[in-house]
Structure formats: C-alpha cells, structure tokens
Amino acid sequence: VQLGESGGGLVQPGGSRRLSCAASGFTCSNYHMKWYRQAPGKGREWVATITSTGSSTNIGNSMKGRFTISRDNTKNTVYLQMNSLKPEDTAVYYCNVNWRAKNYWGQGTQVTVSS
C-alpha cells in the first residue's frame, strides 16, 4: 500500500489549494479514504472522510463550508479542495486508508497559509 500526497505549498490567507493523494498497491475504490493534518506542535487532526464510492463525505467542524473531499476511482486519487484558507490551516496534510485493519499514511504535504 502506498499513498502519495501532493499539491501543498505557500498560500495567502483567503486563498485556495487542491491537494491530491495518489493511491497504489490496493483496490482504492473498495475503501473509505481520509485526510488528516498535523500543525506544528500539535497532534494529528482528522480533516475529512469520503466513502469508497464517493457517495458520502464528512468534514471536520472547523473546515465545513471551506473544504471539500472528492475522489476519482478511475485514477485511484483522492482530492482535498481547500478554500478560504486561514493561517490556522497551516499544517502537514496526510492521506490515510485503513487497509486490512492497519492504518497507512503517506509522507504528507506541507500547506503554509501566510501573507
């Protein structure tokens, strides 16, 4: 199982960014996928979940209305669209899957929100 995040970078407050997570080594379309984030000096925080077919999503309270999770199972890729970014969204963002009762993580992608 491999997960590879991309799309991070420096963005100004109020800006947008789309993160991607490329999955391989398992049948991605059979599994719910999640995004987490970890800000400096803090624990890892759940951000969003999408079901295997993409029919249902759930977003963390502090991100509702600003973040959207989606997936393209033909490309084995999960996305996190982030709008109206705030400095407190600065973190390393990780993709996650629980495959055969074990959690797998990507290497993460850094998002920095600053003027």
Protein backbone atom coordinates (compact mmCIF):
# COMPACT_ATOMS: atom_id res chain seq x y z
CA VAL A 1 0.00 0.00 0.00
CA GLN A 2 1.37 3.39 -0.97
CA LEU A 3 -0.15 6.83 -0.61
CA GLY A 4 1.46 9.89 -2.14
CA GLU A 5 0.24 13.39 -1.31
CA SER A 6 0.97 16.41 -3.45
CA GLY A 7 -0.22 19.95 -4.02
CA GLY A 8 0.98 21.66 -0.88
CA GLY A 9 2.77 24.98 -0.79
CA LEU A 10 2.56 28.57 0.39
CA VAL A 11 -0.81 30.27 0.01
CA GLN A 12 -2.10 33.64 1.17
CA PRO A 13 -4.95 33.90 3.67
CA GLY A 14 -8.25 33.62 1.83
CA GLY A 15 -6.66 31.63 -0.95
CA SER A 16 -7.33 28.12 -2.23
CA ARG A 17 -5.35 24.96 -2.72
CA ARG A 18 -6.15 21.48 -4.00
CA LEU A 19 -4.30 18.53 -2.56
CA SER A 20 -4.09 15.15 -4.26
CA CYS A 21 -3.46 11.70 -2.87
CA ALA A 22 -2.39 9.02 -5.33
CA ALA A 23 -3.06 5.51 -4.04
CA SER A 24 -1.49 2.27 -5.19
CA GLY A 25 -0.98 -1.30 -4.03
CA PHE A 26 -4.61 -1.94 -3.18
CA THR A 27 -8.04 -1.57 -4.74
CA CYS A 28 -8.65 2.02 -3.73
CA SER A 29 -12.25 2.00 -4.92
CA ASN A 30 -13.15 -0.51 -2.20
CA TYR A 31 -12.10 1.69 0.71
CA HIS A 32 -13.08 4.81 2.53
CA MET A 33 -10.30 7.36 2.39
CA LYS A 34 -9.42 10.11 4.85
CA TRP A 35 -7.39 13.27 5.14
CA TYR A 36 -5.68 14.31 8.36
CA ARG A 37 -3.44 17.21 9.23
CA GLN A 38 -0.81 17.99 11.83
CA ALA A 39 0.05 21.55 12.78
CA PRO A 40 3.40 22.41 14.38
CA GLY A 41 3.48 21.29 18.00
CA LYS A 42 0.04 19.67 17.83
CA GLY A 43 -1.37 16.20 17.39
CA ARG A 44 -2.75 14.78 14.19
CA GLU A 45 -6.27 16.04 13.45
CA TRP A 46 -8.89 14.35 11.30
CA VAL A 47 -9.98 16.57 8.39
CA ALA A 48 -12.33 14.65 6.10
CA THR A 49 -13.62 11.24 5.05
CA ILE A 50 -15.06 10.01 1.79
CA THR A 51 -16.78 6.67 1.28
CA SER A 52 -15.50 4.12 -1.22
CA THR A 53 -17.89 5.20 -3.98
CA GLY A 54 -17.71 8.88 -3.11
CA SER A 55 -21.43 8.97 -2.37
CA SER A 56 -20.94 10.37 1.11
CA THR A 57 -18.44 12.73 2.70
CA ASN A 58 -17.81 14.15 6.11
CA ILE A 59 -15.77 17.22 7.00
CA GLY A 60 -14.39 18.39 10.33
CA ASN A 61 -16.36 21.16 12.00
CA SER A 62 -13.69 23.84 11.71
CA MET A 63 -13.39 23.14 8.00
CA LYS A 64 -17.03 22.75 6.99
CA GLY A 65 -18.06 25.09 4.23
CA ARG A 66 -14.43 25.64 3.22
CA PHE A 67 -13.01 22.19 2.47
CA THR A 68 -14.34 19.53 0.10
CA ILE A 69 -13.16 15.95 -0.28
CA SER A 70 -13.66 14.07 -3.53
CA ARG A 71 -12.21 11.10 -5.39
CA ASP A 72 -11.68 9.75 -8.86
CA ASN A 73 -11.60 5.98 -8.63
CA THR A 74 -10.57 5.67 -12.27
CA LYS A 75 -7.35 7.43 -11.28
CA ASN A 76 -7.03 5.96 -7.76
CA THR A 77 -6.81 9.51 -6.50
CA VAL A 78 -8.44 11.39 -3.64
CA TYR A 79 -8.58 15.17 -3.51
CA LEU A 80 -8.95 17.82 -0.85
CA GLN A 81 -10.12 21.18 -2.12
CA MET A 82 -9.38 23.88 0.42
CA ASN A 83 -10.92 27.35 0.06
CA SER A 84 -10.89 30.45 2.24
CA LEU A 85 -7.70 29.28 3.86
CA LYS A 86 -6.69 30.68 7.24
CA PRO A 87 -3.30 30.81 8.97
CA GLU A 88 -4.56 28.17 11.40
CA ASP A 89 -4.90 25.76 8.46
CA THR A 90 -1.11 25.66 8.27
CA ALA A 91 -0.12 22.02 8.70
CA VAL A 92 1.24 18.93 7.07
CA TYR A 93 -1.68 17.19 5.37
CA TYR A 94 -1.78 13.40 5.22
CA CYS A 95 -3.82 10.89 3.28
CA ASN A 96 -4.96 7.78 5.14
CA VAL A 97 -6.52 4.41 4.49
CA ASN A 98 -7.32 1.59 6.85
CA TRP A 99 -6.49 -1.49 4.83
CA ARG A 100 -6.83 -4.93 6.35
CA ALA A 101 -7.11 -3.44 9.85
CA LYS A 102 -3.91 -1.44 9.55
CA ASN A 103 -3.58 2.30 9.07
CA TYR A 104 -1.44 3.51 6.17
CA TRP A 105 -0.18 7.04 5.72
CA GLY A 106 1.52 8.99 3.01
CA GLN A 107 4.56 11.17 3.56
CA GLY A 108 2.41 14.28 3.85
CA THR A 109 2.39 17.59 2.03
CA GLN A 110 3.04 20.92 3.74
CA VAL A 111 0.47 23.70 3.44
CA THR A 112 1.50 27.09 4.79
CA VAL A 113 -1.03 29.89 4.93
CA SER A 114 0.72 33.19 5.37
CA SER A 115 0.91 36.66 3.86
